[in-house]
Amino acid sequence: MTAFVRIDHALASRTVLRHRPADRGERLARALVAHAARMGCTVRLSVTMVEPWCSATFSGSVIVLALDASPGPASSNWLANLPEADIPLGRDLIADIAVEPDGTRQRLRVLLCLDAAGG
């Protein structure tokens, strides 16, 4: 038996694609890995948590990323400069980024404001 679904083309043309929270984490991880590479550092980041966040003026996500990087001057320099780095994310903005210990490894906790560059 074949099922048919009626498609309302007028409605379909107005569909807006929205990123899922996990997509935001993966997009952020890719941007941070690229930034590290530009600084001469090779890192691996994996998303461990994405939680919604909002204030009176912004909405966004708190994203936690597990960090795997070889110790050395390049990774130390990247991590030391990361809180002040300008990471391009289109209309989104990294409002805060912190490097935290996580057992024998480190993690990044990022506050990402969505559509902060909108008008």
C-alpha atoms as a PDB file:
ATOM      1  CA  MET A   1       0.000   0.000   0.000  1.00  0.00           C
ATOM      2  CA  THR A   2       1.329   3.440  -0.880  1.00  0.00           C
ATOM      3  CA  ALA A   3       0.593   6.446   1.280  1.00  0.00           C
ATOM      4  CA  PHE A   4       0.223   9.836  -0.290  1.00  0.00           C
ATOM      5  CA  VAL A   5       0.877  13.086   1.509  1.00  0.00           C
ATOM      6  CA  ARG A   6      -0.565  16.349   0.292  1.00  0.00           C
ATOM      7  CA  ILE A   7       2.048  19.099   0.159  1.00  0.00           C
ATOM      8  CA  ASP A   8       0.920  22.665   0.613  1.00  0.00           C
ATOM      9  CA  HIS A   9       3.458  24.414  -1.626  1.00  0.00           C
ATOM     10  CA  ALA A  10       2.505  27.878  -0.356  1.00  0.00           C
ATOM     11  CA  LEU A  11       3.390  26.777   3.177  1.00  0.00           C
ATOM     12  CA  ALA A  12       6.488  24.841   2.094  1.00  0.00           C
ATOM     13  CA  SER A  13       7.958  27.922   0.393  1.00  0.00           C
ATOM     14  CA  ARG A  14       7.899  29.781   3.727  1.00  0.00           C
ATOM     15  CA  THR A  15       9.746  27.095   5.678  1.00  0.00           C
ATOM     16  CA  VAL A  16      12.662  28.519   7.636  1.00  0.00           C
ATOM     17  CA  LEU A  17      15.579  26.229   8.445  1.00  0.00           C
ATOM     18  CA  ARG A  18      16.706  26.442  12.032  1.00  0.00           C
ATOM     19  CA  HIS A  19      19.790  24.895  13.557  1.00  0.00           C
ATOM     20  CA  ARG A  20      19.235  22.298  16.211  1.00  0.00           C
ATOM     21  CA  PRO A  21      21.214  22.869  19.429  1.00  0.00           C
ATOM     22  CA  ALA A  22      23.593  20.003  18.625  1.00  0.00           C
ATOM     23  CA  ASP A  23      24.320  21.632  15.251  1.00  0.00           C
ATOM     24  CA  ARG A  24      25.370  24.807  17.070  1.00  0.00           C
ATOM     25  CA  GLY A  25      27.851  22.830  19.129  1.00  0.00           C
ATOM     26  CA  GLU A  26      29.329  21.107  16.089  1.00  0.00           C
ATOM     27  CA  ARG A  27      29.517  24.405  14.182  1.00  0.00           C
ATOM     28  CA  LEU A  28      31.283  26.024  17.129  1.00  0.00           C
ATOM     29  CA  ALA A  29      33.703  23.097  17.414  1.00  0.00           C
ATOM     30  CA  ARG A  30      34.624  23.377  13.716  1.00  0.00           C
ATOM     31  CA  ALA A  31      35.226  27.128  14.062  1.00  0.00           C
ATOM     32  CA  LEU A  32      37.445  26.629  17.124  1.00  0.00           C
ATOM     33  CA  VAL A  33      39.448  23.822  15.460  1.00  0.00           C
ATOM     34  CA  ALA A  34      40.021  26.086  12.434  1.00  0.00           C
ATOM     35  CA  HIS A  35      41.074  28.952  14.707  1.00  0.00           C
ATOM     36  CA  ALA A  36      43.523  26.670  16.532  1.00  0.00           C
ATOM     37  CA  ALA A  37      44.984  25.543  13.199  1.00  0.00           C
ATOM     38  CA  ARG A  38      45.559  29.174  12.189  1.00  0.00           C
ATOM     39  CA  MET A  39      47.463  29.573  15.474  1.00  0.00           C
ATOM     40  CA  GLY A  40      49.628  26.523  14.635  1.00  0.00           C
ATOM     41  CA  CYS A  41      47.862  24.194  17.043  1.00  0.00           C
ATOM     42  CA  THR A  42      46.123  20.900  16.307  1.00  0.00           C
ATOM     43  CA  VAL A  43      43.157  20.161  18.568  1.00  0.00           C
ATOM     44  CA  ARG A  44      40.184  17.844  18.647  1.00  0.00           C
ATOM     45  CA  LEU A  45      36.959  19.039  20.211  1.00  0.00           C
ATOM     46  CA  SER A  46      33.860  17.012  20.938  1.00  0.00           C
ATOM     47  CA  VAL A  47      30.548  18.418  22.100  1.00  0.00           C
ATOM     48  CA  THR A  48      29.586  17.050  25.510  1.00  0.00           C
ATOM     49  CA  MET A  49      26.708  19.365  26.387  1.00  0.00           C
ATOM     50  CA  VAL A  50      24.447  21.973  24.799  1.00  0.00           C
ATOM     51  CA  GLU A  51      21.931  23.736  27.031  1.00  0.00           C
ATOM     52  CA  PRO A  52      19.620  26.626  26.173  1.00  0.00           C
ATOM     53  CA  TRP A  53      20.446  29.931  27.818  1.00  0.00           C
ATOM     54  CA  CYS A  54      18.853  33.373  27.853  1.00  0.00           C
ATOM     55  CA  SER A  55      19.143  36.755  29.515  1.00  0.00           C
ATOM     56  CA  ALA A  56      16.917  39.806  29.357  1.00  0.00           C
ATOM     57  CA  THR A  57      18.436  40.800  26.003  1.00  0.00           C
ATOM     58  CA  PHE A  58      19.960  37.683  24.405  1.00  0.00           C
ATOM     59  CA  SER A  59      19.235  34.024  23.873  1.00  0.00           C
ATOM     60  CA  GLY A  60      21.678  31.315  23.071  1.00  0.00           C
ATOM     61  CA  SER A  61      23.353  28.206  24.360  1.00  0.00           C
ATOM     62  CA  VAL A  62      25.929  27.112  26.876  1.00  0.00           C
ATOM     63  CA  ILE A  63      28.121  24.633  25.044  1.00  0.00           C
ATOM     64  CA  VAL A  64      30.719  22.410  26.696  1.00  0.00           C
ATOM     65  CA  LEU A  65      33.419  20.873  24.515  1.00  0.00           C
ATOM     66  CA  ALA A  66      35.940  18.205  25.542  1.00  0.00           C
ATOM     67  CA  LEU A  67      39.406  19.275  24.417  1.00  0.00           C
ATOM     68  CA  ASP A  68      42.133  16.961  23.194  1.00  0.00           C
ATOM     69  CA  ALA A  69      45.386  18.744  22.321  1.00  0.00           C
ATOM     70  CA  SER A  70      49.026  17.794  22.516  1.00  0.00           C
ATOM     71  CA  PRO A  71      50.756  19.755  25.273  1.00  0.00           C
ATOM     72  CA  GLY A  72      53.266  22.278  24.062  1.00  0.00           C
ATOM     73  CA  PRO A  73      53.864  25.951  23.377  1.00  0.00           C
ATOM     74  CA  ALA A  74      51.360  26.151  20.492  1.00  0.00           C
ATOM     75  CA  SER A  75      48.444  24.735  22.482  1.00  0.00           C
ATOM     76  CA  SER A  76      49.385  26.741  25.592  1.00  0.00           C
ATOM     77  CA  ASN A  77      49.497  29.936  23.514  1.00  0.00           C
ATOM     78  CA  TRP A  78      46.155  29.148  21.828  1.00  0.00           C
ATOM     79  CA  LEU A  79      44.422  28.417  25.128  1.00  0.00           C
ATOM     80  CA  ALA A  80      45.895  31.504  26.810  1.00  0.00           C
ATOM     81  CA  ASN A  81      44.650  33.779  24.005  1.00  0.00           C
ATOM     82  CA  LEU A  82      41.331  32.018  23.414  1.00  0.00           C
ATOM     83  CA  PRO A  83      39.171  34.115  25.810  1.00  0.00           C
ATOM     84  CA  GLU A  84      40.026  37.286  23.865  1.00  0.00           C
ATOM     85  CA  ALA A  85      40.029  35.729  20.381  1.00  0.00           C
ATOM     86  CA  ASP A  86      37.672  36.879  17.639  1.00  0.00           C
ATOM     87  CA  ILE A  87      36.112  33.676  16.271  1.00  0.00           C
ATOM     88  CA  PRO A  88      33.914  34.346  13.217  1.00  0.00           C
ATOM     89  CA  LEU A  89      30.485  32.699  13.554  1.00  0.00           C
ATOM     90  CA  GLY A  90      28.323  34.733  11.217  1.00  0.00           C
ATOM     91  CA  ARG A  91      25.502  36.388  13.152  1.00  0.00           C
ATOM     92  CA  ASP A  92      26.250  34.463  16.362  1.00  0.00           C
ATOM     93  CA  LEU A  93      28.680  35.692  18.997  1.00  0.00           C
ATOM     94  CA  ILE A  94      30.850  34.026  21.595  1.00  0.00           C
ATOM     95  CA  ALA A  95      30.008  36.055  24.695  1.00  0.00           C
ATOM     96  CA  ASP A  96      32.277  34.099  27.025  1.00  0.00           C
ATOM     97  CA  ILE A  97      34.695  31.218  26.758  1.00  0.00           C
ATOM     98  CA  ALA A  98      36.490  29.531  29.635  1.00  0.00           C
ATOM     99  CA  VAL A  99      39.057  26.763  29.793  1.00  0.00           C
ATOM    100  CA  GLU A 100      38.275  24.404  32.678  1.00  0.00           C
ATOM    101  CA  PRO A 101      40.017  21.332  34.061  1.00  0.00           C
ATOM    102  CA  ASP A 102      38.204  18.041  33.454  1.00  0.00           C
ATOM    103  CA  GLY A 103      40.166  15.334  35.253  1.00  0.00           C
ATOM    104  CA  THR A 104      43.388  14.831  33.311  1.00  0.00           C
ATOM    105  CA  ARG A 105      42.022  16.753  30.309  1.00  0.00           C
ATOM    106  CA  GLN A 106      40.534  20.168  29.741  1.00  0.00           C
ATOM    107  CA  ARG A 107      37.198  21.378  28.474  1.00  0.00           C
ATOM    108  CA  LEU A 108      35.888  24.593  27.021  1.00  0.00           C
ATOM    109  CA  ARG A 109      32.682  26.154  28.352  1.00  0.00           C
ATOM    110  CA  VAL A 110      31.270  28.611  25.832  1.00  0.00           C
ATOM    111  CA  LEU A 111      28.365  31.022  26.093  1.00  0.00           C
ATOM    112  CA  LEU A 112      27.086  31.477  22.552  1.00  0.00           C
ATOM    113  CA  CYS A 113      24.610  34.286  21.854  1.00  0.00           C
ATOM    114  CA  LEU A 114      22.465  33.520  18.822  1.00  0.00           C
ATOM    115  CA  ASP A 115      21.784  36.137  16.193  1.00  0.00           C
ATOM    116  CA  ALA A 116      23.642  38.727  18.278  1.00  0.00           C
ATOM    117  CA  ALA A 117      24.708  40.609  15.145  1.00  0.00           C
ATOM    118  CA  GLY A 118      21.105  40.907  13.927  1.00  0.00           C
ATOM    119  CA  GLY A 119      19.381  44.175  13.596  1.00  0.00           C
END
